Amino acid sequence: MAGVNRGMSAAIVSSSRPVTLLGGGELEPEDLELALRHAPGLVAADGGAAAALRAGRMPDAVIGDMDSLSPEARARIPAERLHRIAEQETTDFDKCLRSVAAPALICVGFTGARRDHELAALSALVRHPRRRALVLSPRDVIFHAGRTLALDLPAGSRLSLFPMAAIRGRSSGLEWPLAGLDLAPWGRIGTSNRVTGPVRLSFDGDGMLAVLPRAALERVLQSWGVA
């Protein structure tokens, strides 16, 4: 970690390397270890601090409204690492996305526990379309595709696209092309497509989530230039 920002800028934590963001949802030890191999900095979203401590890790920072941070966890973490953002209009995940400046964020512990929390996390990915952040789950990696996306994936790989807004796109390298399709969460979606070659996607706006197998994690990071 490059350090914790004490100034008045929006970034609470700044790092020149990718950062792991840990939530309070379901967490397998191998998920955290995998994330930390690629993103060695560790920031906890509120109650995710307890998960970090259980895993034997001291978070570099804890960010959130602190309504889920237990007294036991609070007592073990140095006060200067606790950063309370009191507003209740956004989730702790959203607070972290806007408060951590890093080349990429690998987010674990944000799926599996409560579906409303999981959906809120996916919504936050779209709310911050320029943030390179992916949610790592036991089966998938999920991230905002951006306006353009280039990935080299094995032929036959699953690649699902889920629009969070009305959007049109173009594609190459997919069994079912996107050209000419109007996509929307209330209409046509793009789940369970298959890769046929180098994938090149472009969209006319923000709001498209990409869902790939967990094994594609490193390929996604490579596409962002941070692997």
C-alpha atoms as a PDB file:
ATOM      1  CA  MET A   1       0.000   0.000   0.000  1.00  0.00           C
ATOM      2  CA  ALA A   2       1.211   3.477  -0.784  1.00  0.00           C
ATOM      3  CA  GLY A   3      -0.448   4.781   2.349  1.00  0.00           C
ATOM      4  CA  VAL A   4      -3.554   6.245   3.866  1.00  0.00           C
ATOM      5  CA  ASN A   5      -4.510   9.722   2.690  1.00  0.00           C
ATOM      6  CA  ARG A   6      -5.005  12.147   5.587  1.00  0.00           C
ATOM      7  CA  GLY A   7      -6.054  15.063   3.404  1.00  0.00           C
ATOM      8  CA  MET A   8      -9.429  16.259   2.211  1.00  0.00           C
ATOM      9  CA  SER A   9      -9.465  14.438  -1.140  1.00  0.00           C
ATOM     10  CA  ALA A  10     -12.086  11.807  -1.877  1.00  0.00           C
ATOM     11  CA  ALA A  11      -9.536   8.986  -1.674  1.00  0.00           C
ATOM     12  CA  ILE A  12      -9.045   7.656   1.842  1.00  0.00           C
ATOM     13  CA  VAL A  13      -6.589   4.997   0.666  1.00  0.00           C
ATOM     14  CA  SER A  14      -4.237   5.371  -2.292  1.00  0.00           C
ATOM     15  CA  SER A  15      -2.150   2.526  -3.690  1.00  0.00           C
ATOM     16  CA  SER A  16       0.008   2.035  -6.756  1.00  0.00           C
ATOM     17  CA  ARG A  17      -0.891  -1.674  -6.703  1.00  0.00           C
ATOM     18  CA  PRO A  18      -4.267  -3.444  -6.863  1.00  0.00           C
ATOM     19  CA  VAL A  19      -6.201  -3.666  -3.605  1.00  0.00           C
ATOM     20  CA  THR A  20      -8.363  -6.424  -2.165  1.00  0.00           C
ATOM     21  CA  LEU A  21     -11.676  -5.175  -0.818  1.00  0.00           C
ATOM     22  CA  LEU A  22     -13.246  -7.458   1.791  1.00  0.00           C
ATOM     23  CA  GLY A  23     -16.923  -7.505   2.709  1.00  0.00           C
ATOM     24  CA  GLY A  24     -18.888  -9.248   5.413  1.00  0.00           C
ATOM     25  CA  GLY A  25     -20.614 -11.823   3.190  1.00  0.00           C
ATOM     26  CA  GLU A  26     -19.744 -15.469   2.705  1.00  0.00           C
ATOM     27  CA  LEU A  27     -16.012 -15.989   2.374  1.00  0.00           C
ATOM     28  CA  GLU A  28     -13.911 -19.032   1.628  1.00  0.00           C
ATOM     29  CA  PRO A  29     -10.283 -18.759   2.804  1.00  0.00           C
ATOM     30  CA  GLU A  30      -9.028 -19.562  -0.685  1.00  0.00           C
ATOM     31  CA  ASP A  31     -10.999 -16.604  -2.096  1.00  0.00           C
ATOM     32  CA  LEU A  32      -9.140 -14.170   0.123  1.00  0.00           C
ATOM     33  CA  GLU A  33      -5.769 -15.793  -0.545  1.00  0.00           C
ATOM     34  CA  LEU A  34      -6.367 -15.720  -4.304  1.00  0.00           C
ATOM     35  CA  ALA A  35      -7.370 -12.069  -4.194  1.00  0.00           C
ATOM     36  CA  LEU A  36      -4.370 -11.081  -2.077  1.00  0.00           C
ATOM     37  CA  ARG A  37      -1.955 -12.797  -4.466  1.00  0.00           C
ATOM     38  CA  HIS A  38      -3.060 -10.384  -7.166  1.00  0.00           C
ATOM     39  CA  ALA A  39      -4.039  -7.417  -4.977  1.00  0.00           C
ATOM     40  CA  PRO A  40      -1.856  -7.312  -1.854  1.00  0.00           C
ATOM     41  CA  GLY A  41      -3.407  -4.284  -0.176  1.00  0.00           C
ATOM     42  CA  LEU A  42      -6.374  -5.078   2.079  1.00  0.00           C
ATOM     43  CA  VAL A  43      -9.283  -2.732   2.804  1.00  0.00           C
ATOM     44  CA  ALA A  44     -12.335  -3.909   4.739  1.00  0.00           C
ATOM     45  CA  ALA A  45     -15.845  -2.632   4.183  1.00  0.00           C
ATOM     46  CA  ASP A  46     -17.197  -2.194   7.720  1.00  0.00           C
ATOM     47  CA  GLY A  47     -18.051  -5.705   8.986  1.00  0.00           C
ATOM     48  CA  GLY A  48     -15.526  -7.212   6.591  1.00  0.00           C
ATOM     49  CA  ALA A  49     -12.929  -6.214   9.179  1.00  0.00           C
ATOM     50  CA  ALA A  50     -14.011  -9.119  11.385  1.00  0.00           C
ATOM     51  CA  ALA A  51     -13.546 -11.512   8.467  1.00  0.00           C
ATOM     52  CA  ALA A  52     -10.052 -10.128   7.909  1.00  0.00           C
ATOM     53  CA  LEU A  53      -9.126 -10.647  11.559  1.00  0.00           C
ATOM     54  CA  ARG A  54     -10.512 -14.194  11.553  1.00  0.00           C
ATOM     55  CA  ALA A  55      -8.258 -14.897   8.570  1.00  0.00           C
ATOM     56  CA  GLY A  56      -5.269 -13.561  10.498  1.00  0.00           C
ATOM     57  CA  ARG A  57      -5.045 -10.357   8.450  1.00  0.00           C
ATOM     58  CA  MET A  58      -4.968  -6.805   9.736  1.00  0.00           C
ATOM     59  CA  PRO A  59      -6.708  -4.520   7.227  1.00  0.00           C
ATOM     60  CA  ASP A  60      -4.848  -1.445   6.044  1.00  0.00           C
ATOM     61  CA  ALA A  61      -8.104   0.483   6.437  1.00  0.00           C
ATOM     62  CA  VAL A  62     -11.728  -0.077   7.397  1.00  0.00           C
ATOM     63  CA  ILE A  63     -14.270   2.101   5.579  1.00  0.00           C
ATOM     64  CA  GLY A  64     -18.010   2.344   6.162  1.00  0.00           C
ATOM     65  CA  ASP A  65     -20.685   3.636   8.485  1.00  0.00           C
ATOM     66  CA  MET A  66     -19.374   1.220  11.157  1.00  0.00           C
ATOM     67  CA  ASP A  67     -22.782  -0.127  12.096  1.00  0.00           C
ATOM     68  CA  SER A  68     -21.548  -3.704  11.518  1.00  0.00           C
ATOM     69  CA  LEU A  69     -18.146  -3.433  13.169  1.00  0.00           C
ATOM     70  CA  SER A  70     -18.181  -5.386  16.404  1.00  0.00           C
ATOM     71  CA  PRO A  71     -16.653  -3.893  19.572  1.00  0.00           C
ATOM     72  CA  GLU A  72     -14.175  -6.786  19.623  1.00  0.00           C
ATOM     73  CA  ALA A  73     -12.952  -6.046  16.101  1.00  0.00           C
ATOM     74  CA  ARG A  74     -12.871  -2.306  16.766  1.00  0.00           C
ATOM     75  CA  ALA A  75     -10.666  -2.852  19.831  1.00  0.00           C
ATOM     76  CA  ARG A  76      -8.109  -4.831  17.811  1.00  0.00           C
ATOM     77  CA  ILE A  77      -7.753  -2.386  14.917  1.00  0.00           C
ATOM     78  CA  PRO A  78      -5.671   0.794  15.345  1.00  0.00           C
ATOM     79  CA  ALA A  79      -7.959   3.807  15.485  1.00  0.00           C
ATOM     80  CA  GLU A  80      -6.136   5.543  12.638  1.00  0.00           C
ATOM     81  CA  ARG A  81      -7.197   2.719  10.311  1.00  0.00           C
ATOM     82  CA  LEU A  82     -10.919   3.229  10.983  1.00  0.00           C
ATOM     83  CA  HIS A  83     -12.643   5.637   8.587  1.00  0.00           C
ATOM     84  CA  ARG A  84     -16.295   6.267   9.331  1.00  0.00           C
ATOM     85  CA  ILE A  85     -18.506   7.680   6.583  1.00  0.00           C
ATOM     86  CA  ALA A  86     -21.764   8.387   8.350  1.00  0.00           C
ATOM     87  CA  GLU A  87     -24.156   8.947   5.433  1.00  0.00           C
ATOM     88  CA  GLN A  88     -26.797   6.274   4.888  1.00  0.00           C
ATOM     89  CA  GLU A  89     -27.595   6.935   1.221  1.00  0.00           C
ATOM     90  CA  THR A  90     -25.047   4.398  -0.064  1.00  0.00           C
ATOM     91  CA  THR A  91     -23.759   0.990   0.971  1.00  0.00           C
ATOM     92  CA  ASP A  92     -20.392   0.347   2.586  1.00  0.00           C
ATOM     93  CA  PHE A  93     -19.282  -1.259  -0.679  1.00  0.00           C
ATOM     94  CA  ASP A  94     -20.124   1.929  -2.552  1.00  0.00           C
ATOM     95  CA  LYS A  95     -18.287   3.999   0.062  1.00  0.00           C
ATOM     96  CA  CYS A  96     -15.182   1.876  -0.485  1.00  0.00           C
ATOM     97  CA  LEU A  97     -15.356   2.073  -4.281  1.00  0.00           C
ATOM     98  CA  ARG A  98     -15.294   5.840  -4.175  1.00  0.00           C
ATOM     99  CA  SER A  99     -12.726   6.058  -1.355  1.00  0.00           C
ATOM    100  CA  VAL A 100      -9.959   3.723  -2.563  1.00  0.00           C
ATOM    101  CA  ALA A 101      -7.687   4.869  -5.392  1.00  0.00           C
ATOM    102  CA  ALA A 102      -5.909   1.864  -6.924  1.00  0.00           C
ATOM    103  CA  PRO A 103      -5.277   0.401 -10.393  1.00  0.00           C
ATOM    104  CA  ALA A 104      -7.853  -2.324  -9.668  1.00  0.00           C
ATOM    105  CA  LEU A 105      -9.970  -3.702  -6.847  1.00  0.00           C
ATOM    106  CA  ILE A 106     -10.658  -7.400  -6.279  1.00  0.00           C
ATOM    107  CA  CYS A 107     -13.762  -7.599  -4.104  1.00  0.00           C
ATOM    108  CA  VAL A 108     -14.454 -10.711  -2.018  1.00  0.00           C
ATOM    109  CA  GLY A 109     -17.080 -11.374   0.625  1.00  0.00           C
ATOM    110  CA  PHE A 110     -19.831  -9.525  -1.264  1.00  0.00           C
ATOM    111  CA  THR A 111     -21.831 -12.529  -2.475  1.00  0.00           C
ATOM    112  CA  GLY A 112     -23.671 -15.470  -0.995  1.00  0.00           C
ATOM    113  CA  ALA A 113     -24.950 -14.140   2.321  1.00  0.00           C
ATOM    114  CA  ARG A 114     -27.877 -11.821   1.469  1.00  0.00           C
ATOM    115  CA  ARG A 115     -29.246 -11.373  -2.021  1.00  0.00           C
ATOM    116  CA  ASP A 116     -30.144  -7.716  -1.415  1.00  0.00           C
ATOM    117  CA  HIS A 117     -26.544  -6.982  -0.430  1.00  0.00           C
ATOM    118  CA  GLU A 118     -25.300  -8.893  -3.464  1.00  0.00           C
ATOM    119  CA  LEU A 119     -27.572  -6.959  -5.823  1.00  0.00           C
ATOM    120  CA  ALA A 120     -26.522  -3.686  -4.197  1.00  0.00           C
ATOM    121  CA  ALA A 121     -22.864  -4.553  -4.840  1.00  0.00           C
ATOM    122  CA  LEU A 122     -23.564  -5.214  -8.521  1.00  0.00           C
ATOM    123  CA  SER A 123     -25.454  -1.942  -8.741  1.00  0.00           C
ATOM    124  CA  ALA A 124     -22.457  -0.128  -7.249  1.00  0.00           C
ATOM    125  CA  LEU A 125     -20.173  -1.533  -9.965  1.00  0.00           C
ATOM    126  CA  VAL A 126     -22.332   0.262 -12.512  1.00  0.00           C
ATOM    127  CA  ARG A 127     -22.601   3.394 -10.372  1.00  0.00           C
ATOM    128  CA  HIS A 128     -18.794   3.728 -10.620  1.00  0.00           C
ATOM    129  CA  PRO A 129     -18.225   2.755 -14.262  1.00  0.00           C
ATOM    130  CA  ARG A 130     -14.657   4.079 -14.439  1.00  0.00           C
ATOM    131  CA  ARG A 131     -13.519   2.089 -11.408  1.00  0.00           C
ATOM    132  CA  ARG A 132     -11.759  -1.137 -12.349  1.00  0.00           C
ATOM    133  CA  ALA A 133     -13.360  -3.398  -9.782  1.00  0.00           C
ATOM    134  CA  LEU A 134     -14.434  -7.010  -9.978  1.00  0.00           C
ATOM    135  CA  VAL A 135     -16.447  -9.141  -7.595  1.00  0.00           C
ATOM    136  CA  LEU A 136     -14.873 -12.548  -7.050  1.00  0.00           C
ATOM    137  CA  SER A 137     -17.227 -15.350  -6.002  1.00  0.00           C
ATOM    138  CA  PRO A 138     -16.699 -19.113  -5.666  1.00  0.00           C
ATOM    139  CA  ARG A 139     -17.841 -19.619  -9.286  1.00  0.00           C
ATOM    140  CA  ASP A 140     -17.647 -16.296 -11.086  1.00  0.00           C
ATOM    141  CA  VAL A 141     -15.926 -12.998 -11.634  1.00  0.00           C
ATOM    142  CA  ILE A 142     -18.294 -10.084 -12.233  1.00  0.00           C
ATOM    143  CA  PHE A 143     -17.302  -6.603 -13.396  1.00  0.00           C
ATOM    144  CA  HIS A 144     -18.500  -3.588 -15.353  1.00  0.00           C
ATOM    145  CA  ALA A 145     -17.517  -4.180 -18.965  1.00  0.00           C
ATOM    146  CA  GLY A 146     -17.034  -0.493 -19.787  1.00  0.00           C
ATOM    147  CA  ARG A 147     -17.451   1.016 -23.236  1.00  0.00           C
ATOM    148  CA  THR A 148     -14.932  -1.410 -24.774  1.00  0.00           C
ATOM    149  CA  LEU A 149     -13.575  -4.752 -23.645  1.00  0.00           C
ATOM    150  CA  ALA A 150     -10.932  -7.035 -25.175  1.00  0.00           C
ATOM    151  CA  LEU A 151     -10.361 -10.487 -23.694  1.00  0.00           C
ATOM    152  CA  ASP A 152      -8.509 -13.560 -24.870  1.00  0.00           C
ATOM    153  CA  LEU A 153     -10.367 -16.545 -23.428  1.00  0.00           C
ATOM    154  CA  PRO A 154     -10.344 -20.260 -24.254  1.00  0.00           C
ATOM    155  CA  ALA A 155     -12.851 -21.239 -26.931  1.00  0.00           C
ATOM    156  CA  GLY A 156     -16.034 -22.541 -25.352  1.00  0.00           C
ATOM    157  CA  SER A 157     -15.728 -20.383 -22.239  1.00  0.00           C
ATOM    158  CA  ARG A 158     -18.941 -19.050 -20.741  1.00  0.00           C
ATOM    159  CA  LEU A 159     -19.354 -15.303 -21.071  1.00  0.00           C
ATOM    160  CA  SER A 160     -22.573 -13.792 -19.811  1.00  0.00           C
ATOM    161  CA  LEU A 161     -23.569 -10.171 -20.277  1.00  0.00           C
ATOM    162  CA  PHE A 162     -26.218  -8.644 -18.047  1.00  0.00           C
ATOM    163  CA  PRO A 163     -27.416  -5.114 -18.859  1.00  0.00           C
ATOM    164  CA  MET A 164     -28.197  -2.853 -15.912  1.00  0.00           C
ATOM    165  CA  ALA A 165     -29.546  -0.188 -18.288  1.00  0.00           C
ATOM    166  CA  ALA A 166     -30.899   0.029 -21.810  1.00  0.00           C
ATOM    167  CA  ILE A 167     -27.828  -0.464 -24.010  1.00  0.00           C
ATOM    168  CA  ARG A 168     -26.707  -1.576 -27.468  1.00  0.00           C
ATOM    169  CA  GLY A 169     -23.418  -3.212 -28.342  1.00  0.00           C
ATOM    170  CA  ARG A 170     -21.299  -4.932 -30.938  1.00  0.00           C
ATOM    171  CA  SER A 171     -19.173  -8.027 -30.555  1.00  0.00           C
ATOM    172  CA  SER A 172     -16.731 -10.402 -32.157  1.00  0.00           C
ATOM    173  CA  GLY A 173     -15.596 -13.724 -30.750  1.00  0.00           C
ATOM    174  CA  LEU A 174     -19.024 -14.724 -29.394  1.00  0.00           C
ATOM    175  CA  GLU A 175     -21.243 -17.525 -30.657  1.00  0.00           C
ATOM    176  CA  TRP A 176     -24.264 -15.229 -30.502  1.00  0.00           C
ATOM    177  CA  PRO A 177     -23.279 -11.723 -31.688  1.00  0.00           C
ATOM    178  CA  LEU A 178     -24.666  -8.568 -30.088  1.00  0.00           C
ATOM    179  CA  ALA A 179     -25.047  -6.437 -33.213  1.00  0.00           C
ATOM    180  CA  GLY A 180     -28.569  -5.113 -33.717  1.00  0.00           C
ATOM    181  CA  LEU A 181     -29.816  -6.170 -30.283  1.00  0.00           C
ATOM    182  CA  ASP A 182     -31.492  -3.854 -27.804  1.00  0.00           C
ATOM    183  CA  LEU A 183     -30.479  -5.060 -24.353  1.00  0.00           C
ATOM    184  CA  ALA A 184     -32.095  -4.069 -21.062  1.00  0.00           C
ATOM    185  CA  PRO A 185     -32.704  -5.619 -17.627  1.00  0.00           C
ATOM    186  CA  TRP A 186     -36.454  -5.649 -18.386  1.00  0.00           C
ATOM    187  CA  GLY A 187     -35.982  -7.041 -21.896  1.00  0.00           C
ATOM    188  CA  ARG A 188     -33.361  -9.037 -23.756  1.00  0.00           C
ATOM    189  CA  ILE A 189     -30.292 -10.007 -21.744  1.00  0.00           C
ATOM    190  CA  GLY A 190     -27.136 -11.851 -22.758  1.00  0.00           C
ATOM    191  CA  THR A 191     -26.541 -14.729 -20.367  1.00  0.00           C
ATOM    192  CA  SER A 192     -24.765 -17.973 -21.263  1.00  0.00           C
ATOM    193  CA  ASN A 193     -23.030 -16.824 -24.421  1.00  0.00           C
ATOM    194  CA  ARG A 194     -19.952 -18.767 -25.528  1.00  0.00           C
ATOM    195  CA  VAL A 195     -16.510 -17.691 -26.661  1.00  0.00           C
ATOM    196  CA  THR A 196     -15.404 -18.669 -30.173  1.00  0.00           C
ATOM    197  CA  GLY A 197     -12.211 -16.594 -30.422  1.00  0.00           C
ATOM    198  CA  PRO A 198     -10.629 -13.370 -29.171  1.00  0.00           C
ATOM    199  CA  VAL A 199     -13.483 -11.377 -27.615  1.00  0.00           C
ATOM    200  CA  ARG A 200     -13.935  -7.754 -28.604  1.00  0.00           C
ATOM    201  CA  LEU A 201     -16.935  -5.880 -27.223  1.00  0.00           C
ATOM    202  CA  SER A 202     -18.073  -2.288 -27.560  1.00  0.00           C
ATOM    203  CA  PHE A 203     -21.140  -0.579 -26.101  1.00  0.00           C
ATOM    204  CA  ASP A 204     -22.907   2.720 -26.705  1.00  0.00           C
ATOM    205  CA  GLY A 205     -23.017   3.530 -23.001  1.00  0.00           C
ATOM    206  CA  ASP A 206     -22.254   2.350 -19.497  1.00  0.00           C
ATOM    207  CA  GLY A 207     -24.192  -0.285 -17.610  1.00  0.00           C
ATOM    208  CA  MET A 208     -23.153  -3.709 -18.913  1.00  0.00           C
ATOM    209  CA  LEU A 209     -21.990  -6.296 -16.402  1.00  0.00           C
ATOM    210  CA  ALA A 210     -19.774  -9.147 -17.596  1.00  0.00           C
ATOM    211  CA  VAL A 211     -19.940 -12.490 -15.778  1.00  0.00           C
ATOM    212  CA  LEU A 212     -17.141 -14.969 -16.461  1.00  0.00           C
ATOM    213  CA  PRO A 213     -15.944 -18.187 -14.836  1.00  0.00           C
ATOM    214  CA  ARG A 214     -13.698 -17.709 -11.825  1.00  0.00           C
ATOM    215  CA  ALA A 215     -10.787 -19.148 -13.829  1.00  0.00           C
ATOM    216  CA  ALA A 216     -10.874 -16.014 -16.009  1.00  0.00           C
ATOM    217  CA  LEU A 217      -9.718 -13.768 -13.146  1.00  0.00           C
ATOM    218  CA  GLU A 218      -6.158 -13.386 -14.392  1.00  0.00           C
ATOM    219  CA  ARG A 219      -7.314 -12.819 -17.988  1.00  0.00           C
ATOM    220  CA  VAL A 220      -9.505  -9.937 -16.827  1.00  0.00           C
ATOM    221  CA  LEU A 221      -6.662  -8.423 -14.832  1.00  0.00           C
ATOM    222  CA  GLN A 222      -4.395  -8.766 -17.860  1.00  0.00           C
ATOM    223  CA  SER A 223      -6.944  -6.911 -19.985  1.00  0.00           C
ATOM    224  CA  TRP A 224      -6.755  -4.075 -17.424  1.00  0.00           C
ATOM    225  CA  GLY A 225      -2.956  -4.114 -17.525  1.00  0.00           C
ATOM    226  CA  VAL A 226      -2.570  -4.994 -13.844  1.00  0.00           C
ATOM    227  CA  ALA A 227      -1.855  -8.765 -13.797  1.00  0.00           C
END
